[in-house]
C-alpha cells in the first residue's frame, strides 16, 4: 500500500500511515484506507463523497448531505458492486459545521472517526 500524504510538502508520514489511498486493495488487519475521495464546490454548496475499506474486509462509503456527514459501513464480501440495504451493518451521522471539509485530511479524519463511531454503536 502506498502512503499518500494529504497536504503541503513536508507534512509528516504519520498521515499516510493512518489514512491513505489504497493501492491494489491490500490491507492488513486494523488498517483504515480511503480509496477515493471527491470534493466539489458548486455555488454555495460544498459536496464530498468517497469510499474505502476497513482492515477486516468491510467497506464503507461516505457523503455530505446538507450539514451532515453520512457514513455507511458494509458487511464483508459483498455479492455485487453496489451494496444493497441489507448489506449495511452500521451507520453514523455527524455534523460537519466544525470540520474543514475543504481539506482532505480533515474530512478523512472525520470519516475515520465516524466509521469508528458507527462500529461502536452497532
C-alpha atoms as a PDB file:
ATOM      1  CA  UNK A   1       0.000   0.000   0.000  1.00  0.00           C
ATOM      2  CA  UNK A   2       1.341   3.396  -0.916  1.00  0.00           C
ATOM      3  CA  UNK A   3       1.049   6.125   1.642  1.00  0.00           C
ATOM      4  CA  UNK A   4      -0.357   9.380   0.399  1.00  0.00           C
ATOM      5  CA  UNK A   5       0.093  12.478   2.494  1.00  0.00           C
ATOM      6  CA  UNK A   6      -2.736  14.958   2.054  1.00  0.00           C
ATOM      7  CA  UNK A   7      -1.373  18.428   2.479  1.00  0.00           C
ATOM      8  CA  UNK A   8       1.575  20.546   1.522  1.00  0.00           C
ATOM      9  CA  UNK A   9       5.040  19.009   1.128  1.00  0.00           C
ATOM     10  CA  UNK A  10       6.784  18.479   4.413  1.00  0.00           C
ATOM     11  CA  UNK A  11       3.842  17.026   6.333  1.00  0.00           C
ATOM     12  CA  UNK A  12       4.824  14.002   8.356  1.00  0.00           C
ATOM     13  CA  UNK A  13       4.329  10.448   7.109  1.00  0.00           C
ATOM     14  CA  UNK A  14       2.050   9.713  10.079  1.00  0.00           C
ATOM     15  CA  UNK A  15      -0.909  10.896   7.979  1.00  0.00           C
ATOM     16  CA  UNK A  16      -0.086   8.453   5.205  1.00  0.00           C
ATOM     17  CA  UNK A  17       0.326   5.592   7.621  1.00  0.00           C
ATOM     18  CA  UNK A  18      -3.078   6.021   9.238  1.00  0.00           C
ATOM     19  CA  UNK A  19      -5.099   7.496   6.381  1.00  0.00           C
ATOM     20  CA  UNK A  20      -4.022   6.521   2.932  1.00  0.00           C
ATOM     21  CA  UNK A  21      -5.323   5.933  -0.520  1.00  0.00           C
ATOM     22  CA  UNK A  22      -5.302   2.186  -1.083  1.00  0.00           C
ATOM     23  CA  UNK A  23      -3.255   0.668  -3.834  1.00  0.00           C
ATOM     24  CA  UNK A  24      -4.264  -2.748  -5.212  1.00  0.00           C
ATOM     25  CA  UNK A  25      -6.805  -3.318  -2.425  1.00  0.00           C
ATOM     26  CA  UNK A  26      -4.366  -4.898   0.029  1.00  0.00           C
ATOM     27  CA  UNK A  27      -4.977  -4.280   3.712  1.00  0.00           C
ATOM     28  CA  UNK A  28      -3.698  -5.774   6.907  1.00  0.00           C
ATOM     29  CA  UNK A  29      -5.901  -6.294   9.952  1.00  0.00           C
ATOM     30  CA  UNK A  30      -6.773  -2.968  11.703  1.00  0.00           C
ATOM     31  CA  UNK A  31      -5.990  -0.739   8.704  1.00  0.00           C
ATOM     32  CA  UNK A  32      -8.257   2.020   7.508  1.00  0.00           C
ATOM     33  CA  UNK A  33      -7.947   3.353   3.988  1.00  0.00           C
ATOM     34  CA  UNK A  34      -9.909   5.843   1.949  1.00  0.00           C
ATOM     35  CA  UNK A  35      -9.715   4.526  -1.608  1.00  0.00           C
ATOM     36  CA  UNK A  36     -11.351   7.511  -3.282  1.00  0.00           C
ATOM     37  CA  UNK A  37     -12.437  10.934  -2.088  1.00  0.00           C
ATOM     38  CA  UNK A  38     -14.182  13.553  -4.168  1.00  0.00           C
ATOM     39  CA  UNK A  39     -14.655  17.194  -3.193  1.00  0.00           C
ATOM     40  CA  UNK A  40     -16.611  19.664  -5.291  1.00  0.00           C
ATOM     41  CA  UNK A  41     -17.692  23.263  -4.988  1.00  0.00           C
ATOM     42  CA  UNK A  42     -20.955  24.338  -6.595  1.00  0.00           C
ATOM     43  CA  UNK A  43     -22.140  27.924  -5.993  1.00  0.00           C
ATOM     44  CA  UNK A  44     -22.847  27.952  -2.241  1.00  0.00           C
ATOM     45  CA  UNK A  45     -22.537  24.190  -1.672  1.00  0.00           C
ATOM     46  CA  UNK A  46     -19.556  22.029  -0.870  1.00  0.00           C
ATOM     47  CA  UNK A  47     -20.129  18.418  -1.836  1.00  0.00           C
ATOM     48  CA  UNK A  48     -17.991  15.455  -0.852  1.00  0.00           C
ATOM     49  CA  UNK A  49     -18.196  11.706  -1.160  1.00  0.00           C
ATOM     50  CA  UNK A  50     -15.984   8.660  -1.286  1.00  0.00           C
ATOM     51  CA  UNK A  51     -15.415   5.111  -0.209  1.00  0.00           C
ATOM     52  CA  UNK A  52     -12.826   2.888   1.390  1.00  0.00           C
ATOM     53  CA  UNK A  53     -12.003  -0.232   3.332  1.00  0.00           C
ATOM     54  CA  UNK A  54     -11.595  -1.229   6.937  1.00  0.00           C
ATOM     55  CA  UNK A  55      -8.868  -3.829   7.512  1.00  0.00           C
ATOM     56  CA  UNK A  56     -11.291  -6.611   8.474  1.00  0.00           C
ATOM     57  CA  UNK A  57     -12.742  -6.847   4.960  1.00  0.00           C
ATOM     58  CA  UNK A  58     -15.626  -4.446   5.373  1.00  0.00           C
ATOM     59  CA  UNK A  59     -16.047  -1.476   3.093  1.00  0.00           C
ATOM     60  CA  UNK A  60     -17.636   1.903   3.707  1.00  0.00           C
ATOM     61  CA  UNK A  61     -18.982   4.855   1.791  1.00  0.00           C
ATOM     62  CA  UNK A  62     -19.490   8.445   2.878  1.00  0.00           C
ATOM     63  CA  UNK A  63     -21.099  11.614   1.614  1.00  0.00           C
ATOM     64  CA  UNK A  64     -22.038  15.077   2.796  1.00  0.00           C
ATOM     65  CA  UNK A  65     -25.802  15.626   2.996  1.00  0.00           C
ATOM     66  CA  UNK A  66     -26.558  19.239   3.904  1.00  0.00           C
ATOM     67  CA  UNK A  67     -24.522  19.885   7.039  1.00  0.00           C
ATOM     68  CA  UNK A  68     -24.157  16.202   7.942  1.00  0.00           C
ATOM     69  CA  UNK A  69     -21.534  13.607   7.131  1.00  0.00           C
ATOM     70  CA  UNK A  70     -23.231  10.260   6.481  1.00  0.00           C
ATOM     71  CA  UNK A  71     -21.149   7.077   6.698  1.00  0.00           C
ATOM     72  CA  UNK A  72     -22.386   3.567   5.897  1.00  0.00           C
ATOM     73  CA  UNK A  73     -20.286   0.507   6.749  1.00  0.00           C
ATOM     74  CA  UNK A  74     -20.997  -2.625   4.711  1.00  0.00           C
ATOM     75  CA  UNK A  75     -20.566  -6.278   5.563  1.00  0.00           C
ATOM     76  CA  UNK A  76     -17.522  -8.134   4.213  1.00  0.00           C
ATOM     77  CA  UNK A  77     -17.635  -9.957   0.890  1.00  0.00           C
ATOM     78  CA  UNK A  78     -20.399  -8.105  -0.899  1.00  0.00           C
ATOM     79  CA  UNK A  79     -22.005 -10.085  -3.711  1.00  0.00           C
ATOM     80  CA  UNK A  80     -22.179  -7.191  -6.174  1.00  0.00           C
ATOM     81  CA  UNK A  81     -20.549  -3.863  -6.934  1.00  0.00           C
ATOM     82  CA  UNK A  82     -23.446  -1.856  -5.461  1.00  0.00           C
ATOM     83  CA  UNK A  83     -24.296  -2.519  -1.797  1.00  0.00           C
ATOM     84  CA  UNK A  84     -27.936  -3.268  -1.065  1.00  0.00           C
ATOM     85  CA  UNK A  85     -29.799  -2.067   2.057  1.00  0.00           C
ATOM     86  CA  UNK A  86     -29.304  -5.463   3.706  1.00  0.00           C
ATOM     87  CA  UNK A  87     -25.514  -5.071   3.317  1.00  0.00           C
ATOM     88  CA  UNK A  88     -25.375  -2.056   5.687  1.00  0.00           C
ATOM     89  CA  UNK A  89     -24.102  -3.197   9.091  1.00  0.00           C
ATOM     90  CA  UNK A  90     -23.549   0.233  10.691  1.00  0.00           C
ATOM     91  CA  UNK A  91     -24.235   3.904  10.020  1.00  0.00           C
ATOM     92  CA  UNK A  92     -23.147   7.179  11.543  1.00  0.00           C
ATOM     93  CA  UNK A  93     -24.151  10.812  11.037  1.00  0.00           C
ATOM     94  CA  UNK A  94     -22.033  13.699  12.175  1.00  0.00           C
ATOM     95  CA  UNK A  95     -22.403  17.457  11.940  1.00  0.00           C
ATOM     96  CA  UNK A  96     -19.734  18.984   9.674  1.00  0.00           C
ATOM     97  CA  UNK A  97     -20.025  22.565  10.936  1.00  0.00           C
ATOM     98  CA  UNK A  98     -16.814  22.203  12.978  1.00  0.00           C
ATOM     99  CA  UNK A  99     -14.874  20.344  10.224  1.00  0.00           C
ATOM    100  CA  UNK A 100     -12.932  21.946   7.383  1.00  0.00           C
ATOM    101  CA  UNK A 101     -14.490  19.815   4.658  1.00  0.00           C
ATOM    102  CA  UNK A 102     -12.449  21.605   2.004  1.00  0.00           C
ATOM    103  CA  UNK A 103      -9.323  19.958   3.464  1.00  0.00           C
ATOM    104  CA  UNK A 104      -8.954  16.267   2.580  1.00  0.00           C
ATOM    105  CA  UNK A 105      -7.023  15.483   5.778  1.00  0.00           C
ATOM    106  CA  UNK A 106      -9.727  16.997   7.988  1.00  0.00           C
ATOM    107  CA  UNK A 107     -12.500  15.262   6.081  1.00  0.00           C
ATOM    108  CA  UNK A 108     -10.556  11.985   6.108  1.00  0.00           C
ATOM    109  CA  UNK A 109     -10.108  12.192   9.881  1.00  0.00           C
ATOM    110  CA  UNK A 110     -13.836  12.907  10.328  1.00  0.00           C
ATOM    111  CA  UNK A 111     -14.687   9.892   8.159  1.00  0.00           C
ATOM    112  CA  UNK A 112     -12.280   7.683  10.135  1.00  0.00           C
ATOM    113  CA  UNK A 113     -13.879   8.839  13.405  1.00  0.00           C
ATOM    114  CA  UNK A 114     -17.392   8.302  12.005  1.00  0.00           C
ATOM    115  CA  UNK A 115     -16.506   4.731  10.929  1.00  0.00           C
ATOM    116  CA  UNK A 116     -15.215   4.045  14.460  1.00  0.00           C
ATOM    117  CA  UNK A 117     -18.376   5.602  15.943  1.00  0.00           C
ATOM    118  CA  UNK A 118     -20.579   3.501  13.660  1.00  0.00           C
ATOM    119  CA  UNK A 119     -18.728   0.357  14.800  1.00  0.00           C
ATOM    120  CA  UNK A 120     -19.106   1.290  18.453  1.00  0.00           C
ATOM    121  CA  UNK A 121     -22.843   1.899  18.152  1.00  0.00           C
ATOM    122  CA  UNK A 122     -23.817  -1.372  16.478  1.00  0.00           C
END
